[in-house]
Amino acid sequence: KTYTIEGYGTDSGVSPRAIAELFKQVATLESDWSYTITLSMLEIYNETILDLLNSNSATKDKLDIRQTSSEGNQVVGLTEIVITSTEQVKELMKLGQANRAVGSHDMNEHSSRSHSIITLVCRGKNKIDNSSTFGKLHLIDLAGSERVGKTDATGDRLKEAQNINKSLSALGDVINALGNK
């Protein structure tokens, strides 16, 4: 899953391709519009939201979600960086990946122990009539479900596995509820 989302080596994943396409679309509109694009990257690890672009591990504070009237749900205190190129995005994704919680178990030596979310916010202003717009794109890499019996997880790995399974089950419940509306 992570390789599909992020890519590996020279093979671009869904996230880099989507971001490259966003830059391409913005470039086609630059005669009438000016855009600012920001990127943030977080992980949900053991029911805690952490900023993956804050490389200072001493300040790995738990972040909270708040609802705002202007932009909907927002993670308060999350690092948001203005991006201008795909090369810059690649470097930020490397930083985020390096800060992500990983661990090994009997089934996978380098297993993601968290869900990660890259959020792009694109704000546009029309040069002709001064109107404005914004949109958000969330690119999500979910941790895989854990078969605790097969991985022989104990201690911290067991707690991580239980939290991963609990969050994936909750996500399934949300998707089912939305599907039944």
C-alpha atoms as a PDB file:
ATOM      1  CA  LYS A   1       0.000   0.000   0.000  1.00  0.00           C
ATOM      2  CA  THR A   2       2.714   2.504   0.908  1.00  0.00           C
ATOM      3  CA  TYR A   3       4.530   1.891  -2.381  1.00  0.00           C
ATOM      4  CA  THR A   4       1.273   2.454  -4.290  1.00  0.00           C
ATOM      5  CA  ILE A   5       0.655   5.748  -2.512  1.00  0.00           C
ATOM      6  CA  GLU A   6       4.210   7.108  -2.281  1.00  0.00           C
ATOM      7  CA  GLY A   7       6.064   5.168  -4.959  1.00  0.00           C
ATOM      8  CA  TYR A   8       9.443   3.489  -4.813  1.00  0.00           C
ATOM      9  CA  GLY A   9      12.692   4.464  -6.526  1.00  0.00           C
ATOM     10  CA  THR A  10      11.917   5.848  -9.965  1.00  0.00           C
ATOM     11  CA  ASP A  11       8.304   4.597  -9.898  1.00  0.00           C
ATOM     12  CA  SER A  12       6.020   7.440  -8.822  1.00  0.00           C
ATOM     13  CA  GLY A  13       3.089   6.562  -6.604  1.00  0.00           C
ATOM     14  CA  VAL A  14      -0.409   8.033  -6.488  1.00  0.00           C
ATOM     15  CA  SER A  15       0.596  10.998  -4.293  1.00  0.00           C
ATOM     16  CA  PRO A  16       3.513  12.300  -6.412  1.00  0.00           C
ATOM     17  CA  ARG A  17       1.458  11.831  -9.588  1.00  0.00           C
ATOM     18  CA  ALA A  18      -1.552  13.688  -8.160  1.00  0.00           C
ATOM     19  CA  ILE A  19       0.657  16.538  -6.962  1.00  0.00           C
ATOM     20  CA  ALA A  20       2.418  16.786 -10.339  1.00  0.00           C
ATOM     21  CA  GLU A  21      -0.992  16.927 -12.044  1.00  0.00           C
ATOM     22  CA  LEU A  22      -2.105  19.699  -9.659  1.00  0.00           C
ATOM     23  CA  PHE A  23       0.966  21.784 -10.569  1.00  0.00           C
ATOM     24  CA  LYS A  24       0.271  21.143 -14.276  1.00  0.00           C
ATOM     25  CA  GLN A  25      -3.348  22.310 -13.938  1.00  0.00           C
ATOM     26  CA  VAL A  26      -2.336  25.416 -11.976  1.00  0.00           C
ATOM     27  CA  ALA A  27       0.183  26.294 -14.713  1.00  0.00           C
ATOM     28  CA  THR A  28      -2.555  26.181 -17.385  1.00  0.00           C
ATOM     29  CA  LEU A  29      -4.632  28.716 -15.438  1.00  0.00           C
ATOM     30  CA  GLU A  30      -1.887  31.184 -14.476  1.00  0.00           C
ATOM     31  CA  SER A  31      -2.949  33.865 -16.963  1.00  0.00           C
ATOM     32  CA  ASP A  32      -6.217  34.468 -15.050  1.00  0.00           C
ATOM     33  CA  TRP A  33      -5.534  32.969 -11.620  1.00  0.00           C
ATOM     34  CA  SER A  34      -2.817  33.038  -8.971  1.00  0.00           C
ATOM     35  CA  TYR A  35      -2.528  30.020  -6.691  1.00  0.00           C
ATOM     36  CA  THR A  36      -0.869  29.171  -3.422  1.00  0.00           C
ATOM     37  CA  ILE A  37      -0.529  25.482  -2.586  1.00  0.00           C
ATOM     38  CA  THR A  38       0.385  24.244   0.876  1.00  0.00           C
ATOM     39  CA  LEU A  39       1.308  20.763   2.027  1.00  0.00           C
ATOM     40  CA  SER A  40       1.058  19.171   5.451  1.00  0.00           C
ATOM     41  CA  MET A  41       1.772  15.619   6.504  1.00  0.00           C
ATOM     42  CA  LEU A  42       0.582  13.854   9.632  1.00  0.00           C
ATOM     43  CA  GLU A  43       0.365  10.378  11.048  1.00  0.00           C
ATOM     44  CA  ILE A  44      -2.155   8.759  13.321  1.00  0.00           C
ATOM     45  CA  TYR A  45      -0.143   6.511  15.602  1.00  0.00           C
ATOM     46  CA  ASN A  46      -1.722   4.699  18.561  1.00  0.00           C
ATOM     47  CA  GLU A  47      -4.745   7.011  18.449  1.00  0.00           C
ATOM     48  CA  THR A  48      -2.482  10.104  18.497  1.00  0.00           C
ATOM     49  CA  ILE A  49      -2.062  12.686  15.713  1.00  0.00           C
ATOM     50  CA  LEU A  50       1.578  13.660  15.080  1.00  0.00           C
ATOM     51  CA  ASP A  51       3.161  16.179  12.682  1.00  0.00           C
ATOM     52  CA  LEU A  52       5.492  14.372  10.249  1.00  0.00           C
ATOM     53  CA  LEU A  53       7.078  17.601   8.974  1.00  0.00           C
ATOM     54  CA  ASN A  54       8.227  18.609  12.447  1.00  0.00           C
ATOM     55  CA  SER A  55      11.556  16.796  12.636  1.00  0.00           C
ATOM     56  CA  ASN A  56      12.262  18.031  16.157  1.00  0.00           C
ATOM     57  CA  SER A  57      11.385  14.870  18.076  1.00  0.00           C
ATOM     58  CA  ALA A  58      11.579  16.753  21.378  1.00  0.00           C
ATOM     59  CA  THR A  59       8.411  18.641  20.384  1.00  0.00           C
ATOM     60  CA  LYS A  60       6.357  15.689  19.103  1.00  0.00           C
ATOM     61  CA  ASP A  61       3.234  17.059  20.720  1.00  0.00           C
ATOM     62  CA  LYS A  62      -0.132  15.417  20.277  1.00  0.00           C
ATOM     63  CA  LEU A  63      -2.250  17.498  17.904  1.00  0.00           C
ATOM     64  CA  ASP A  64      -6.007  18.041  18.027  1.00  0.00           C
ATOM     65  CA  ILE A  65      -8.664  18.374  15.327  1.00  0.00           C
ATOM     66  CA  ARG A  66     -10.885  21.452  15.457  1.00  0.00           C
ATOM     67  CA  GLN A  67     -13.707  22.579  13.206  1.00  0.00           C
ATOM     68  CA  THR A  68     -13.453  26.051  11.687  1.00  0.00           C
ATOM     69  CA  SER A  69     -16.178  28.004   9.935  1.00  0.00           C
ATOM     70  CA  SER A  70     -13.966  28.967   6.997  1.00  0.00           C
ATOM     71  CA  GLU A  71     -12.149  25.728   6.116  1.00  0.00           C
ATOM     72  CA  GLY A  72     -13.912  22.889   7.944  1.00  0.00           C
ATOM     73  CA  ASN A  73     -11.887  20.394   9.956  1.00  0.00           C
ATOM     74  CA  GLN A  74      -8.360  21.505  10.774  1.00  0.00           C
ATOM     75  CA  VAL A  75      -5.479  20.029  12.778  1.00  0.00           C
ATOM     76  CA  VAL A  76      -4.353  22.802  15.121  1.00  0.00           C
ATOM     77  CA  GLY A  77      -0.580  23.345  15.176  1.00  0.00           C
ATOM     78  CA  LEU A  78       0.143  21.192  12.114  1.00  0.00           C
ATOM     79  CA  THR A  79       3.079  22.395   9.988  1.00  0.00           C
ATOM     80  CA  GLU A  80       1.810  23.714   6.655  1.00  0.00           C
ATOM     81  CA  ILE A  81       4.456  24.517   4.017  1.00  0.00           C
ATOM     82  CA  VAL A  82       3.945  26.508   0.816  1.00  0.00           C
ATOM     83  CA  ILE A  83       5.056  24.303  -2.073  1.00  0.00           C
ATOM     84  CA  THR A  84       6.187  25.469  -5.493  1.00  0.00           C
ATOM     85  CA  SER A  85       7.645  22.396  -7.203  1.00  0.00           C
ATOM     86  CA  THR A  86       7.448  18.622  -7.351  1.00  0.00           C
ATOM     87  CA  GLU A  87      11.118  18.450  -6.298  1.00  0.00           C
ATOM     88  CA  GLN A  88      10.275  20.299  -3.068  1.00  0.00           C
ATOM     89  CA  VAL A  89       7.374  17.900  -2.474  1.00  0.00           C
ATOM     90  CA  LYS A  90       9.666  14.874  -2.910  1.00  0.00           C
ATOM     91  CA  GLU A  91      12.003  16.237  -0.223  1.00  0.00           C
ATOM     92  CA  LEU A  92       9.100  16.927   2.153  1.00  0.00           C
ATOM     93  CA  MET A  93       7.725  13.427   1.589  1.00  0.00           C
ATOM     94  CA  LYS A  94      11.165  11.970   2.388  1.00  0.00           C
ATOM     95  CA  LEU A  95      11.237  13.972   5.624  1.00  0.00           C
ATOM     96  CA  GLY A  96       7.725  12.830   6.527  1.00  0.00           C
ATOM     97  CA  GLN A  97       8.525   9.201   5.773  1.00  0.00           C
ATOM     98  CA  ALA A  98      11.681   9.394   7.910  1.00  0.00           C
ATOM     99  CA  ASN A  99       9.605  10.672  10.840  1.00  0.00           C
ATOM    100  CA  ARG A 100       6.911   8.000  10.461  1.00  0.00           C
ATOM    101  CA  ALA A 101       6.513   5.198  13.007  1.00  0.00           C
ATOM    102  CA  VAL A 102       7.725   1.886  11.581  1.00  0.00           C
ATOM    103  CA  GLY A 103       8.536  -1.409  13.213  1.00  0.00           C
ATOM    104  CA  SER A 104       9.084  -5.029  12.403  1.00  0.00           C
ATOM    105  CA  HIS A 105       7.130  -8.172  13.135  1.00  0.00           C
ATOM    106  CA  ASP A 106       7.195 -11.753  11.904  1.00  0.00           C
ATOM    107  CA  MET A 107       5.266 -10.934   8.716  1.00  0.00           C
ATOM    108  CA  ASN A 108       6.987  -7.669   7.627  1.00  0.00           C
ATOM    109  CA  GLU A 109      10.422  -6.311   8.532  1.00  0.00           C
ATOM    110  CA  HIS A 110       9.551  -2.643   7.797  1.00  0.00           C
ATOM    111  CA  SER A 111       5.862  -2.377   8.634  1.00  0.00           C
ATOM    112  CA  SER A 112       4.113   1.016   8.822  1.00  0.00           C
ATOM    113  CA  ARG A 113       2.727   1.299  12.323  1.00  0.00           C
ATOM    114  CA  SER A 114       0.525   4.286  11.558  1.00  0.00           C
ATOM    115  CA  HIS A 115      -1.817   5.864   9.046  1.00  0.00           C
ATOM    116  CA  SER A 116      -0.345   8.861   7.197  1.00  0.00           C
ATOM    117  CA  ILE A 117      -2.194  11.725   5.544  1.00  0.00           C
ATOM    118  CA  ILE A 118      -0.744  14.247   3.122  1.00  0.00           C
ATOM    119  CA  THR A 119      -3.028  17.269   2.804  1.00  0.00           C
ATOM    120  CA  LEU A 120      -2.770  19.761  -0.030  1.00  0.00           C
ATOM    121  CA  VAL A 121      -4.662  23.025   0.237  1.00  0.00           C
ATOM    122  CA  CYS A 122      -4.933  25.007  -2.991  1.00  0.00           C
ATOM    123  CA  ARG A 123      -6.053  28.630  -2.663  1.00  0.00           C
ATOM    124  CA  GLY A 124      -6.763  30.564  -5.827  1.00  0.00           C
ATOM    125  CA  LYS A 125      -7.459  34.217  -6.555  1.00  0.00           C
ATOM    126  CA  ASN A 126      -8.872  35.389  -9.868  1.00  0.00           C
ATOM    127  CA  LYS A 127      -6.741  38.216 -11.324  1.00  0.00           C
ATOM    128  CA  ILE A 128      -9.685  39.653 -13.263  1.00  0.00           C
ATOM    129  CA  ASP A 129     -12.625  39.790 -10.840  1.00  0.00           C
ATOM    130  CA  ASN A 130     -10.805  39.193  -7.508  1.00  0.00           C
ATOM    131  CA  SER A 131     -12.943  36.150  -6.688  1.00  0.00           C
ATOM    132  CA  SER A 132     -11.296  33.408  -4.676  1.00  0.00           C
ATOM    133  CA  THR A 133     -11.592  29.686  -4.172  1.00  0.00           C
ATOM    134  CA  PHE A 134      -9.917  26.896  -2.268  1.00  0.00           C
ATOM    135  CA  GLY A 135      -9.871  23.139  -2.250  1.00  0.00           C
ATOM    136  CA  LYS A 136      -8.322  20.358  -0.195  1.00  0.00           C
ATOM    137  CA  LEU A 137      -6.947  17.033  -1.316  1.00  0.00           C
ATOM    138  CA  HIS A 138      -6.146  14.350   1.263  1.00  0.00           C
ATOM    139  CA  LEU A 139      -3.823  11.541   0.154  1.00  0.00           C
ATOM    140  CA  ILE A 140      -4.019   8.725   2.697  1.00  0.00           C
ATOM    141  CA  ASP A 141      -1.795   5.722   3.349  1.00  0.00           C
ATOM    142  CA  LEU A 142      -3.562   3.380   5.757  1.00  0.00           C
ATOM    143  CA  ALA A 143      -1.637   0.930   7.882  1.00  0.00           C
ATOM    144  CA  GLY A 144      -2.551  -2.643   7.025  1.00  0.00           C
ATOM    145  CA  SER A 145      -4.748  -4.744   9.268  1.00  0.00           C
ATOM    146  CA  GLU A 146      -2.812  -6.955  11.649  1.00  0.00           C
ATOM    147  CA  ARG A 147      -3.331 -10.647  12.245  1.00  0.00           C
ATOM    148  CA  VAL A 148      -2.001 -10.679  15.772  1.00  0.00           C
ATOM    149  CA  GLY A 149      -1.744 -14.477  15.922  1.00  0.00           C
ATOM    150  CA  LYS A 150       0.414 -14.667  12.787  1.00  0.00           C
ATOM    151  CA  THR A 151       2.741 -11.789  13.696  1.00  0.00           C
ATOM    152  CA  ASP A 152       3.429 -12.980  17.277  1.00  0.00           C
ATOM    153  CA  ALA A 153       3.094  -9.341  18.348  1.00  0.00           C
ATOM    154  CA  THR A 154       3.677  -8.553  22.012  1.00  0.00           C
ATOM    155  CA  GLY A 155       4.127  -5.406  24.073  1.00  0.00           C
ATOM    156  CA  ASP A 156       4.224  -2.198  22.022  1.00  0.00           C
ATOM    157  CA  ARG A 157       3.704  -4.059  18.721  1.00  0.00           C
ATOM    158  CA  LEU A 158       0.567  -5.714  20.121  1.00  0.00           C
ATOM    159  CA  LYS A 159      -0.792  -2.331  21.271  1.00  0.00           C
ATOM    160  CA  GLU A 160      -0.031  -0.850  17.843  1.00  0.00           C
ATOM    161  CA  ALA A 161      -1.738  -3.768  16.087  1.00  0.00           C
ATOM    162  CA  GLN A 162      -4.838  -3.434  18.258  1.00  0.00           C
ATOM    163  CA  ASN A 163      -5.043   0.319  17.574  1.00  0.00           C
ATOM    164  CA  ILE A 164      -4.527  -0.206  13.826  1.00  0.00           C
ATOM    165  CA  ASN A 165      -7.313  -2.813  13.713  1.00  0.00           C
ATOM    166  CA  LYS A 166      -9.621  -0.653  15.842  1.00  0.00           C
ATOM    167  CA  SER A 167      -9.163   2.396  13.584  1.00  0.00           C
ATOM    168  CA  LEU A 168      -9.623   0.378  10.383  1.00  0.00           C
ATOM    169  CA  SER A 169     -12.815  -1.123  11.814  1.00  0.00           C
ATOM    170  CA  ALA A 170     -14.089   2.368  12.710  1.00  0.00           C
ATOM    171  CA  LEU A 171     -13.297   3.575   9.175  1.00  0.00           C
ATOM    172  CA  GLY A 172     -15.255   0.620   7.780  1.00  0.00           C
ATOM    173  CA  ASP A 173     -18.221   1.571   9.979  1.00  0.00           C
ATOM    174  CA  VAL A 174     -18.104   5.165   8.681  1.00  0.00           C
ATOM    175  CA  ILE A 175     -17.953   4.033   5.046  1.00  0.00           C
ATOM    176  CA  ASN A 176     -20.900   1.649   5.616  1.00  0.00           C
ATOM    177  CA  ALA A 177     -22.928   4.382   7.314  1.00  0.00           C
ATOM    178  CA  LEU A 178     -22.259   6.804   4.445  1.00  0.00           C
ATOM    179  CA  GLY A 179     -23.165   4.105   1.928  1.00  0.00           C
ATOM    180  CA  ASN A 180     -26.486   3.495   3.669  1.00  0.00           C
ATOM    181  CA  LYS A 181     -27.569   7.162   3.524  1.00  0.00           C
END
